[in-house]
PDB file of N, CA and C in Angstrom:
ATOM      1  N   MET A   1      32.359 -64.338   3.877  1.00  0.00           N
ATOM      2  CA  MET A   1      30.931 -64.306   3.779  1.00  0.00           C
ATOM      3  C   MET A   1      30.733 -62.472   2.280  1.00  0.00           C
ATOM      4  N   LEU A   2      31.180 -61.892   2.843  1.00  0.00           N
ATOM      5  CA  LEU A   2      31.703 -60.611   1.489  1.00  0.00           C
ATOM      6  C   LEU A   2      31.969 -61.332   0.536  1.00  0.00           C
ATOM      7  N   LEU A   3      33.223 -61.660  -0.337  1.00  0.00           N
ATOM      8  CA  LEU A   3      33.680 -62.886  -0.788  1.00  0.00           C
ATOM      9  C   LEU A   3      32.447 -63.994  -1.739  1.00  0.00           C
ATOM     10  N   LEU A   4      31.559 -64.453  -0.565  1.00  0.00           N
ATOM     11  CA  LEU A   4      30.724 -65.232  -0.956  1.00  0.00           C
ATOM     12  C   LEU A   4      29.442 -64.446  -1.601  1.00  0.00           C
ATOM     13  N   THR A   5      29.808 -63.469  -1.572  1.00  0.00           N
ATOM     14  CA  THR A   5      28.580 -62.713  -1.894  1.00  0.00           C
ATOM     15  C   THR A   5      28.825 -62.239  -2.911  1.00  0.00           C
ATOM     16  N   PHE A   6      29.921 -61.417  -3.531  1.00  0.00           N
ATOM     17  CA  PHE A   6      31.050 -61.510  -4.368  1.00  0.00           C
ATOM     18  C   PHE A   6      30.317 -62.215  -5.514  1.00  0.00           C
ATOM     19  N   ARG A   7      31.195 -63.253  -5.103  1.00  0.00           N
ATOM     20  CA  ARG A   7      30.446 -64.487  -5.829  1.00  0.00           C
ATOM     21  C   ARG A   7      29.158 -64.915  -6.238  1.00  0.00           C
ATOM     22  N   GLY A   8      28.475 -64.454  -5.583  1.00  0.00           N
ATOM     23  CA  GLY A   8      27.220 -64.813  -6.000  1.00  0.00           C
ATOM     24  C   GLY A   8      26.642 -64.000  -7.017  1.00  0.00           C
ATOM     25  N   THR A   9      27.024 -62.437  -7.133  1.00  0.00           N
ATOM     26  CA  THR A   9      26.840 -61.294  -8.280  1.00  0.00           C
ATOM     27  C   THR A   9      27.138 -62.038  -9.749  1.00  0.00           C
ATOM     28  N   PHE A  10      27.655 -63.573  -9.754  1.00  0.00           N
ATOM     29  CA  PHE A  10      28.052 -63.975 -10.670  1.00  0.00           C
ATOM     30  C   PHE A  10      27.192 -64.381 -11.280  1.00  0.00           C
ATOM     31  N   THR A  11      26.267 -65.070 -10.886  1.00  0.00           N
ATOM     32  CA  THR A  11      25.503 -66.152 -10.924  1.00  0.00           C
ATOM     33  C   THR A  11      24.585 -65.424 -12.167  1.00  0.00           C
ATOM     34  N   ASP A  12      24.243 -63.886 -12.236  1.00  0.00           N
ATOM     35  CA  ASP A  12      23.043 -63.758 -13.426  1.00  0.00           C
ATOM     36  C   ASP A  12      23.453 -63.100 -14.428  1.00  0.00           C
ATOM     37  N   ASP A  13      23.530 -62.652 -15.433  1.00  0.00           N
ATOM     38  CA  ASP A  13      23.933 -61.709 -16.232  1.00  0.00           C
ATOM     39  C   ASP A  13      23.623 -60.550 -15.702  1.00  0.00           C
ATOM     40  N   ARG A  14      23.732 -59.867 -14.992  1.00  0.00           N
ATOM     41  CA  ARG A  14      23.235 -58.195 -14.543  1.00  0.00           C
ATOM     42  C   ARG A  14      25.025 -58.477 -14.283  1.00  0.00           C
ATOM     43  N   PRO A  15      26.340 -57.891 -14.937  1.00  0.00           N
ATOM     44  CA  PRO A  15      27.103 -57.316 -13.939  1.00  0.00           C
ATOM     45  C   PRO A  15      27.161 -56.450 -13.322  1.00  0.00           C
ATOM     46  N   GLU A  16      26.009 -55.605 -13.858  1.00  0.00           N
ATOM     47  CA  GLU A  16      26.470 -54.118 -12.733  1.00  0.00           C
ATOM     48  C   GLU A  16      26.051 -54.235 -11.409  1.00  0.00           C
ATOM     49  N   ARG A  17      25.599 -55.603 -10.598  1.00  0.00           N
ATOM     50  CA  ARG A  17      25.476 -55.378  -9.715  1.00  0.00           C
ATOM     51  C   ARG A  17      26.619 -56.141  -8.875  1.00  0.00           C
ATOM     52  N   PHE A  18      27.661 -56.780  -9.375  1.00  0.00           N
ATOM     53  CA  PHE A  18      29.302 -56.303  -8.643  1.00  0.00           C
ATOM     54  C   PHE A  18      29.647 -55.193  -8.640  1.00  0.00           C
ATOM     55  N   ASP A  19      29.488 -54.369  -9.912  1.00  0.00           N
ATOM     56  CA  ASP A  19      30.382 -53.295 -10.306  1.00  0.00           C
ATOM     57  C   ASP A  19      29.428 -51.909  -8.811  1.00  0.00           C
ATOM     58  N   ARG A  20      28.159 -52.516  -8.205  1.00  0.00           N
ATOM     59  CA  ARG A  20      27.445 -51.500  -7.052  1.00  0.00           C
ATOM     60  C   ARG A  20      28.166 -52.069  -6.115  1.00  0.00           C
ATOM     61  N   MET A  21      27.905 -53.108  -6.119  1.00  0.00           N
ATOM     62  CA  MET A  21      28.236 -53.981  -4.479  1.00  0.00           C
ATOM     63  C   MET A  21      30.084 -53.214  -4.134  1.00  0.00           C
ATOM     64  N   LEU A  22      30.511 -53.403  -5.422  1.00  0.00           N
ATOM     65  CA  LEU A  22      32.813 -53.047  -5.128  1.00  0.00           C
ATOM     66  C   LEU A  22      32.681 -51.466  -4.458  1.00  0.00           C
ATOM     67  N   ASP A  23      31.804 -50.463  -5.225  1.00  0.00           N
ATOM     68  CA  ASP A  23      31.462 -49.216  -4.970  1.00  0.00           C
ATOM     69  C   ASP A  23      31.081 -48.823  -3.794  1.00  0.00           C
ATOM     70  N   LEU A  24      29.718 -49.762  -3.438  1.00  0.00           N
ATOM     71  CA  LEU A  24      29.882 -49.558  -2.011  1.00  0.00           C
ATOM     72  C   LEU A  24      30.855 -49.797  -0.898  1.00  0.00           C
ATOM     73  N   LEU A  25      30.647 -51.051  -1.058  1.00  0.00           N
ATOM     74  CA  LEU A  25      32.415 -51.152  -0.472  1.00  0.00           C
ATOM     75  C   LEU A  25      33.272 -50.742   0.129  1.00  0.00           C
ATOM     76  N   CYS A  26      34.010 -49.832  -1.489  1.00  0.00           N
ATOM     77  CA  CYS A  26      34.889 -48.875  -1.335  1.00  0.00           C
ATOM     78  C   CYS A  26      34.021 -47.170  -1.337  1.00  0.00           C
ATOM     79  N   ARG A  27      33.446 -47.287  -1.267  1.00  0.00           N
ATOM     80  CA  ARG A  27      33.155 -46.475  -0.361  1.00  0.00           C
ATOM     81  C   ARG A  27      32.217 -45.995   0.628  1.00  0.00           C
ATOM     82  N   CYS A  28      32.090 -46.945   1.527  1.00  0.00           N
ATOM     83  CA  CYS A  28      31.380 -46.639   3.070  1.00  0.00           C
ATOM     84  C   CYS A  28      32.394 -45.875   4.227  1.00  0.00           C
ATOM     85  N   GLU A  29      31.859 -44.969   4.754  1.00  0.00           N
ATOM     86  CA  GLU A  29      32.774 -44.456   5.655  1.00  0.00           C
ATOM     87  C   GLU A  29      33.436 -45.431   6.498  1.00  0.00           C
ATOM     88  N   HIS A  30      32.782 -46.557   6.575  1.00  0.00           N
ATOM     89  CA  HIS A  30      33.578 -47.808   7.908  1.00  0.00           C
ATOM     90  C   HIS A  30      33.821 -49.121   7.658  1.00  0.00           C
ATOM     91  N   LEU A  31      34.960 -49.881   6.985  1.00  0.00           N
ATOM     92  CA  LEU A  31      34.523 -51.663   6.775  1.00  0.00           C
ATOM     93  C   LEU A  31      34.976 -52.100   7.332  1.00  0.00           C
ATOM     94  N   VAL A  32      34.467 -53.281   7.853  1.00  0.00           N
ATOM     95  CA  VAL A  32      35.020 -54.182   9.140  1.00  0.00           C
ATOM     96  C   VAL A  32      35.055 -56.028   8.162  1.00  0.00           C
ATOM     97  N   LEU A  33      36.271 -55.997   8.094  1.00  0.00           N
ATOM     98  CA  LEU A  33      36.457 -57.183   7.695  1.00  0.00           C
ATOM     99  C   LEU A  33      36.795 -58.230   8.154  1.00  0.00           C
ATOM    100  N   ASP A  34      35.901 -59.021   8.753  1.00  0.00           N
ATOM    101  CA  ASP A  34      35.415 -59.864   9.832  1.00  0.00           C
ATOM    102  C   ASP A  34      36.359 -60.866  10.123  1.00  0.00           C
ATOM    103  N   ASP A  35      37.300 -61.570  10.439  1.00  0.00           N
ATOM    104  CA  ASP A  35      37.538 -62.983  10.695  1.00  0.00           C
ATOM    105  C   ASP A  35      38.507 -63.309   8.896  1.00  0.00           C
ATOM    106  N   LEU A  36      38.849 -61.719   8.893  1.00  0.00           N
ATOM    107  CA  LEU A  36      39.941 -62.253   8.167  1.00  0.00           C
ATOM    108  C   LEU A  36      40.702 -63.752   8.153  1.00  0.00           C
ATOM    109  N   GLY A  37      41.055 -64.194   6.834  1.00  0.00           N
ATOM    110  CA  GLY A  37      41.398 -65.451   6.910  1.00  0.00           C
ATOM    111  C   GLY A  37      41.559 -66.757   6.519  1.00  0.00           C
ATOM    112  N   ARG A  38      39.875 -66.616   7.227  1.00  0.00           N
ATOM    113  CA  ARG A  38      39.202 -67.933   7.102  1.00  0.00           C
ATOM    114  C   ARG A  38      38.276 -68.075   4.888  1.00  0.00           C
ATOM    115  N   GLU A  39      38.478 -67.235   4.590  1.00  0.00           N
ATOM    116  CA  GLU A  39      38.606 -67.763   3.352  1.00  0.00           C
ATOM    117  C   GLU A  39      39.609 -68.357   2.296  1.00  0.00           C
ATOM    118  N   ARG A  40      39.183 -68.647   1.360  1.00  0.00           N
ATOM    119  CA  ARG A  40      39.796 -70.386   0.152  1.00  0.00           C
ATOM    120  C   ARG A  40      40.845 -68.750  -0.374  1.00  0.00           C
ATOM    121  N   PRO A  41      42.030 -69.601  -0.048  1.00  0.00           N
ATOM    122  CA  PRO A  41      42.715 -67.972  -0.586  1.00  0.00           C
ATOM    123  C   PRO A  41      43.006 -68.795  -1.901  1.00  0.00           C
ATOM    124  N   THR A  42      42.248 -67.564  -2.956  1.00  0.00           N
ATOM    125  CA  THR A  42      42.005 -68.790  -4.204  1.00  0.00           C
ATOM    126  C   THR A  42      42.929 -66.757  -4.819  1.00  0.00           C
ATOM    127  N   PRO A  43      43.362 -67.056  -5.851  1.00  0.00           N
ATOM    128  CA  PRO A  43      43.717 -66.068  -6.830  1.00  0.00           C
ATOM    129  C   PRO A  43      42.642 -64.428  -6.657  1.00  0.00           C
ATOM    130  N   TRP A  44      41.510 -65.473  -7.272  1.00  0.00           N
ATOM    131  CA  TRP A  44      40.295 -63.697  -7.306  1.00  0.00           C
ATOM    132  C   TRP A  44      39.978 -63.762  -5.913  1.00  0.00           C
ATOM    133  N   ALA A  45      40.239 -64.607  -4.469  1.00  0.00           N
ATOM    134  CA  ALA A  45      39.680 -63.665  -3.821  1.00  0.00           C
ATOM    135  C   ALA A  45      40.485 -62.819  -2.959  1.00  0.00           C
ATOM    136  N   GLN A  46      42.133 -63.525  -3.151  1.00  0.00           N
ATOM    137  CA  GLN A  46      43.000 -62.245  -3.150  1.00  0.00           C
ATOM    138  C   GLN A  46      42.754 -60.992  -3.829  1.00  0.00           C
ATOM    139  N   GLU A  47      43.051 -61.217  -4.857  1.00  0.00           N
ATOM    140  CA  GLU A  47      42.465 -59.783  -6.310  1.00  0.00           C
ATOM    141  C   GLU A  47      41.616 -59.342  -5.711  1.00  0.00           C
ATOM    142  N   THR A  48      40.336 -59.514  -5.331  1.00  0.00           N
ATOM    143  CA  THR A  48      38.966 -58.722  -4.429  1.00  0.00           C
ATOM    144  C   THR A  48      39.336 -58.088  -3.650  1.00  0.00           C
ATOM    145  N   LEU A  49      39.959 -58.769  -3.060  1.00  0.00           N
ATOM    146  CA  LEU A  49      40.433 -58.289  -1.690  1.00  0.00           C
ATOM    147  C   LEU A  49      41.302 -56.978  -1.885  1.00  0.00           C
ATOM    148  N   CYS A  50      42.184 -57.010  -2.847  1.00  0.00           N
ATOM    149  CA  CYS A  50      43.467 -56.169  -2.985  1.00  0.00           C
ATOM    150  C   CYS A  50      42.479 -54.889  -3.416  1.00  0.00           C
ATOM    151  N   LEU A  51      41.213 -54.853  -4.309  1.00  0.00           N
ATOM    152  CA  LEU A  51      41.123 -54.175  -4.644  1.00  0.00           C
ATOM    153  C   LEU A  51      40.161 -53.416  -3.631  1.00  0.00           C
ATOM    154  N   VAL A  52      39.372 -53.734  -2.803  1.00  0.00           N
ATOM    155  CA  VAL A  52      39.056 -53.265  -2.162  1.00  0.00           C
ATOM    156  C   VAL A  52      39.534 -51.857  -0.981  1.00  0.00           C
ATOM    157  N   VAL A  53      40.458 -53.118  -0.695  1.00  0.00           N
ATOM    158  CA  VAL A  53      41.381 -52.857   0.181  1.00  0.00           C
ATOM    159  C   VAL A  53      42.451 -51.585  -0.086  1.00  0.00           C
ATOM    160  N   ASN A  54      42.876 -51.099  -1.993  1.00  0.00           N
ATOM    161  CA  ASN A  54      43.113 -50.449  -1.802  1.00  0.00           C
ATOM    162  C   ASN A  54      42.482 -49.123  -2.678  1.00  0.00           C
ATOM    163  N   ALA A  55      41.655 -49.114  -2.885  1.00  0.00           N
ATOM    164  CA  ALA A  55      40.679 -48.173  -3.114  1.00  0.00           C
ATOM    165  C   ALA A  55      40.013 -47.569  -1.679  1.00  0.00           C
ATOM    166  N   ARG A  56      40.093 -48.772  -0.471  1.00  0.00           N
ATOM    167  CA  ARG A  56      39.935 -47.791   0.239  1.00  0.00           C
ATOM    168  C   ARG A  56      41.265 -46.899   1.082  1.00  0.00           C
ATOM    169  N   TYR A  57      42.489 -47.349   1.156  1.00  0.00           N
ATOM    170  CA  TYR A  57      43.069 -46.661   0.965  1.00  0.00           C
ATOM    171  C   TYR A  57      43.875 -45.617   0.448  1.00  0.00           C
ATOM    172  N   GLN A  58      43.590 -45.620  -0.804  1.00  0.00           N
ATOM    173  CA  GLN A  58      43.826 -44.476  -1.520  1.00  0.00           C
ATOM    174  C   GLN A  58      42.903 -43.233  -1.661  1.00  0.00           C
ATOM    175  N   GLU A  59      41.535 -43.121  -0.702  1.00  0.00           N
ATOM    176  CA  GLU A  59      40.821 -42.217  -0.319  1.00  0.00           C
ATOM    177  C   GLU A  59      40.770 -42.146   1.375  1.00  0.00           C
ATOM    178  N   CYS A  60      42.110 -42.888   1.828  1.00  0.00           N
ATOM    179  CA  CYS A  60      41.836 -42.638   3.051  1.00  0.00           C
ATOM    180  C   CYS A  60      40.686 -43.174   4.340  1.00  0.00           C
ATOM    181  N   LEU A  61      40.329 -44.250   3.828  1.00  0.00           N
ATOM    182  CA  LEU A  61      38.874 -45.088   4.992  1.00  0.00           C
ATOM    183  C   LEU A  61      39.139 -45.530   5.546  1.00  0.00           C
ATOM    184  N   ALA A  62      38.133 -45.661   6.776  1.00  0.00           N
ATOM    185  CA  ALA A  62      38.988 -46.047   7.731  1.00  0.00           C
ATOM    186  C   ALA A  62      38.121 -47.907   7.630  1.00  0.00           C
ATOM    187  N   THR A  63      39.248 -48.216   7.853  1.00  0.00           N
ATOM    188  CA  THR A  63      39.208 -50.144   6.952  1.00  0.00           C
ATOM    189  C   THR A  63      39.494 -50.601   8.003  1.00  0.00           C
ATOM    190  N   SER A  64      38.882 -51.693   9.077  1.00  0.00           N
ATOM    191  CA  SER A  64      39.265 -52.461  10.619  1.00  0.00           C
ATOM    192  C   SER A  64      39.085 -53.953   9.957  1.00  0.00           C
ATOM    193  N   LEU A  65      39.815 -54.498  10.717  1.00  0.00           N
ATOM    194  CA  LEU A  65      39.549 -56.628  10.430  1.00  0.00           C
ATOM    195  C   LEU A  65      39.666 -56.705  11.795  1.00  0.00           C
ATOM    196  N   THR A  66      39.571 -58.299  12.325  1.00  0.00           N
ATOM    197  CA  THR A  66      39.636 -58.476  12.919  1.00  0.00           C
ATOM    198  C   THR A  66      40.091 -60.058  12.309  1.00  0.00           C
ATOM    199  N   THR A  67      40.658 -60.958  12.841  1.00  0.00           N
ATOM    200  CA  THR A  67      41.033 -62.156  12.229  1.00  0.00           C
ATOM    201  C   THR A  67      41.449 -63.327  13.678  1.00  0.00           C
ATOM    202  N   ASN A  68      41.465 -65.069  13.366  1.00  0.00           N
ATOM    203  CA  ASN A  68      42.650 -65.332  14.427  1.00  0.00           C
ATOM    204  C   ASN A  68      43.536 -65.903  13.786  1.00  0.00           C
ATOM    205  N   LEU A  69      44.263 -65.244  12.770  1.00  0.00           N
ATOM    206  CA  LEU A  69      45.652 -65.404  12.520  1.00  0.00           C
ATOM    207  C   LEU A  69      46.854 -64.606  13.326  1.00  0.00           C
ATOM    208  N   SER A  70      47.873 -65.364  13.510  1.00  0.00           N
ATOM    209  CA  SER A  70      48.763 -64.594  14.356  1.00  0.00           C
ATOM    210  C   SER A  70      49.489 -63.714  13.199  1.00  0.00           C
ATOM    211  N   PRO A  71      50.206 -63.114  13.880  1.00  0.00           N
ATOM    212  CA  PRO A  71      51.140 -61.879  13.002  1.00  0.00           C
ATOM    213  C   PRO A  71      51.626 -62.874  11.920  1.00  0.00           C
ATOM    214  N   VAL A  72      52.679 -63.950  12.119  1.00  0.00           N
ATOM    215  CA  VAL A  72      53.193 -63.852  11.130  1.00  0.00           C
ATOM    216  C   VAL A  72      52.084 -64.598  10.189  1.00  0.00           C
ATOM    217  N   GLU A  73      51.407 -64.891  10.160  1.00  0.00           N
ATOM    218  CA  GLU A  73      50.288 -66.062   9.992  1.00  0.00           C
ATOM    219  C   GLU A  73      49.438 -65.089   8.915  1.00  0.00           C
ATOM    220  N   LEU A  74      49.307 -64.192   9.407  1.00  0.00           N
ATOM    221  CA  LEU A  74      49.001 -62.842   8.581  1.00  0.00           C
ATOM    222  C   LEU A  74      49.529 -62.210   7.565  1.00  0.00           C
ATOM    223  N   ARG A  75      50.410 -62.379   8.010  1.00  0.00           N
ATOM    224  CA  ARG A  75      51.761 -61.990   6.422  1.00  0.00           C
ATOM    225  C   ARG A  75      51.836 -62.915   5.508  1.00  0.00           C
ATOM    226  N   GLY A  76      51.185 -63.804   5.786  1.00  0.00           N
ATOM    227  CA  GLY A  76      51.440 -64.690   4.450  1.00  0.00           C
ATOM    228  C   GLY A  76      50.129 -65.034   3.936  1.00  0.00           C
ATOM    229  N   ARG A  77      49.014 -64.612   4.620  1.00  0.00           N
ATOM    230  CA  ARG A  77      47.436 -65.039   4.002  1.00  0.00           C
ATOM    231  C   ARG A  77      46.870 -64.096   3.113  1.00  0.00           C
ATOM    232  N   PRO A  78      46.888 -62.921   3.716  1.00  0.00           N
ATOM    233  CA  PRO A  78      46.058 -61.664   2.862  1.00  0.00           C
ATOM    234  C   PRO A  78      46.974 -61.416   2.317  1.00  0.00           C
ATOM    235  N   GLY A  79      48.803 -60.691   2.404  1.00  0.00           N
ATOM    236  CA  GLY A  79      49.509 -60.660   1.797  1.00  0.00           C
ATOM    237  C   GLY A  79      50.126 -59.726   2.192  1.00  0.00           C
ATOM    238  N   GLU A  80      51.109 -58.806   1.366  1.00  0.00           N
ATOM    239  CA  GLU A  80      52.972 -57.838   2.513  1.00  0.00           C
ATOM    240  C   GLU A  80      51.637 -56.463   1.784  1.00  0.00           C
ATOM    241  N   PRO A  81      51.203 -56.567   0.922  1.00  0.00           N
ATOM    242  CA  PRO A  81      50.785 -54.777   0.626  1.00  0.00           C
ATOM    243  C   PRO A  81      49.214 -55.166   1.035  1.00  0.00           C
ATOM    244  N   ILE A  82      48.446 -55.770   1.695  1.00  0.00           N
ATOM    245  CA  ILE A  82      47.441 -55.127   1.736  1.00  0.00           C
ATOM    246  C   ILE A  82      47.617 -55.240   3.289  1.00  0.00           C
ATOM    247  N   LEU A  83      48.611 -55.667   4.074  1.00  0.00           N
ATOM    248  CA  LEU A  83      48.411 -55.316   5.722  1.00  0.00           C
ATOM    249  C   LEU A  83      49.159 -53.887   5.376  1.00  0.00           C
ATOM    250  N   ASP A  84      50.277 -53.982   4.115  1.00  0.00           N
ATOM    251  CA  ASP A  84      51.513 -51.910   4.137  1.00  0.00           C
ATOM    252  C   ASP A  84      50.242 -51.865   4.541  1.00  0.00           C
ATOM    253  N   ARG A  85      48.839 -51.463   3.813  1.00  0.00           N
ATOM    254  CA  ARG A  85      47.993 -50.357   3.198  1.00  0.00           C
ATOM    255  C   ARG A  85      47.455 -50.460   4.802  1.00  0.00           C
ATOM    256  N   LEU A  86      46.473 -51.375   5.360  1.00  0.00           N
ATOM    257  CA  LEU A  86      46.379 -51.656   6.267  1.00  0.00           C
ATOM    258  C   LEU A  86      46.657 -50.401   7.534  1.00  0.00           C
ATOM    259  N   ALA A  87      47.730 -51.227   7.718  1.00  0.00           N
ATOM    260  CA  ALA A  87      49.107 -50.528   8.500  1.00  0.00           C
ATOM    261  C   ALA A  87      48.875 -49.223   8.749  1.00  0.00           C
ATOM    262  N   GLU A  88      49.591 -48.738   7.164  1.00  0.00           N
ATOM    263  CA  GLU A  88      49.746 -46.718   7.525  1.00  0.00           C
ATOM    264  C   GLU A  88      48.329 -46.374   7.847  1.00  0.00           C
ATOM    265  N   THR A  89      47.024 -46.919   7.886  1.00  0.00           N
ATOM    266  CA  THR A  89      46.277 -45.973   8.211  1.00  0.00           C
ATOM    267  C   THR A  89      45.608 -46.266   9.093  1.00  0.00           C
ATOM    268  N   ASN A  90      46.034 -47.496   9.639  1.00  0.00           N
ATOM    269  CA  ASN A  90      45.053 -48.377  10.815  1.00  0.00           C
ATOM    270  C   ASN A  90      46.395 -48.492  12.134  1.00  0.00           C
ATOM    271  N   GLN A  91      45.117 -48.780  13.461  1.00  0.00           N
ATOM    272  CA  GLN A  91      46.148 -48.869  14.633  1.00  0.00           C
ATOM    273  C   GLN A  91      45.812 -50.969  14.458  1.00  0.00           C
ATOM    274  N   GLY A  92      46.996 -51.401  14.690  1.00  0.00           N
ATOM    275  CA  GLY A  92      46.845 -52.459  15.175  1.00  0.00           C
ATOM    276  C   GLY A  92      46.284 -52.706  16.722  1.00  0.00           C
ATOM    277  N   TYR A  93      45.816 -54.130  17.098  1.00  0.00           N
ATOM    278  CA  TYR A  93      45.947 -54.042  18.729  1.00  0.00           C
ATOM    279  C   TYR A  93      46.116 -55.812  18.792  1.00  0.00           C
ATOM    280  N   TRP A  94      46.464 -56.339  19.418  1.00  0.00           N
ATOM    281  CA  TRP A  94      46.684 -57.595  19.412  1.00  0.00           C
ATOM    282  C   TRP A  94      46.212 -57.943  20.642  1.00  0.00           C
ATOM    283  N   CYS A  95      45.046 -58.452  20.397  1.00  0.00           N
ATOM    284  CA  CYS A  95      43.944 -59.126  22.111  1.00  0.00           C
ATOM    285  C   CYS A  95      44.241 -60.452  21.845  1.00  0.00           C
ATOM    286  N   GLN A  96      44.161 -61.684  22.796  1.00  0.00           N
ATOM    287  CA  GLN A  96      44.379 -62.592  22.940  1.00  0.00           C
ATOM    288  C   GLN A  96      43.213 -62.942  24.158  1.00  0.00           C
ATOM    289  N   TRP A  97      42.843 -63.806  24.383  1.00  0.00           N
ATOM    290  CA  TRP A  97      41.686 -63.684  25.828  1.00  0.00           C
ATOM    291  C   TRP A  97      41.216 -65.510  24.937  1.00  0.00           C
ATOM    292  N   PRO A  98      40.037 -66.533  25.990  1.00  0.00           N
ATOM    293  CA  PRO A  98      39.413 -67.629  25.414  1.00  0.00           C
ATOM    294  C   PRO A  98      38.723 -67.775  24.804  1.00  0.00           C
ATOM    295  N   THR A  99      38.232 -68.261  23.490  1.00  0.00           N
ATOM    296  CA  THR A  99      37.403 -69.258  22.820  1.00  0.00           C
ATOM    297  C   THR A  99      36.097 -69.198  23.274  1.00  0.00           C
ATOM    298  N   HIS A 100      34.920 -67.959  22.857  1.00  0.00           N
ATOM    299  CA  HIS A 100      33.932 -68.465  23.667  1.00  0.00           C
ATOM    300  C   HIS A 100      32.937 -69.801  22.869  1.00  0.00           C
ATOM    301  N   ARG A 101      33.795 -70.013  21.819  1.00  0.00           N
ATOM    302  CA  ARG A 101      32.693 -70.930  21.257  1.00  0.00           C
ATOM    303  C   ARG A 101      33.126 -72.500  21.310  1.00  0.00           C
ATOM    304  N   ARG A 102      33.897 -72.944  22.627  1.00  0.00           N
ATOM    305  CA  ARG A 102      34.209 -73.923  23.680  1.00  0.00           C
ATOM    306  C   ARG A 102      33.650 -74.303  24.394  1.00  0.00           C
ATOM    307  N   ARG A 103      32.619 -73.146  24.554  1.00  0.00           N
ATOM    308  CA  ARG A 103      32.816 -73.153  26.141  1.00  0.00           C
ATOM    309  C   ARG A 103      31.181 -74.055  26.045  1.00  0.00           C
ATOM    310  N   SER A 104      31.070 -74.913  26.853  1.00  0.00           N
ATOM    311  CA  SER A 104      29.684 -75.684  27.419  1.00  0.00           C
ATOM    312  C   SER A 104      28.953 -74.480  27.782  1.00  0.00           C
ATOM    313  N   ALA A 105      27.711 -75.231  27.285  1.00  0.00           N
ATOM    314  CA  ALA A 105      26.684 -74.434  27.856  1.00  0.00           C
ATOM    315  C   ALA A 105      26.292 -74.268  29.476  1.00  0.00           C
ATOM    316  N   PRO A 106      25.693 -73.034  29.703  1.00  0.00           N
ATOM    317  CA  PRO A 106      25.091 -73.418  31.340  1.00  0.00           C
ATOM    318  C   PRO A 106      23.384 -74.340  31.076  1.00  0.00           C
TER     319      PRO A 106
END
């Protein structure tokens, strides 16, 4: 959703919208990247994600992520530089539990 919102800022002739949103994400106290790896792995998505994570890393700001990818898949998806920056300033937790999405309704 984050990358879709970013991409949506390019639809009009106001590039300052993208810059303002980027600034907010790079400076907020704690950013949560939910379901990392569901985005299409395009060069633009990779570059934008790297830009945000790197800016937050340089400012020592908290960045958390959730994902359904395995550790091996995660290394290949967002890429080693992004994960290295996150690992240096965050603690990783591997949680495995059944999905609630496939559970039948009561």
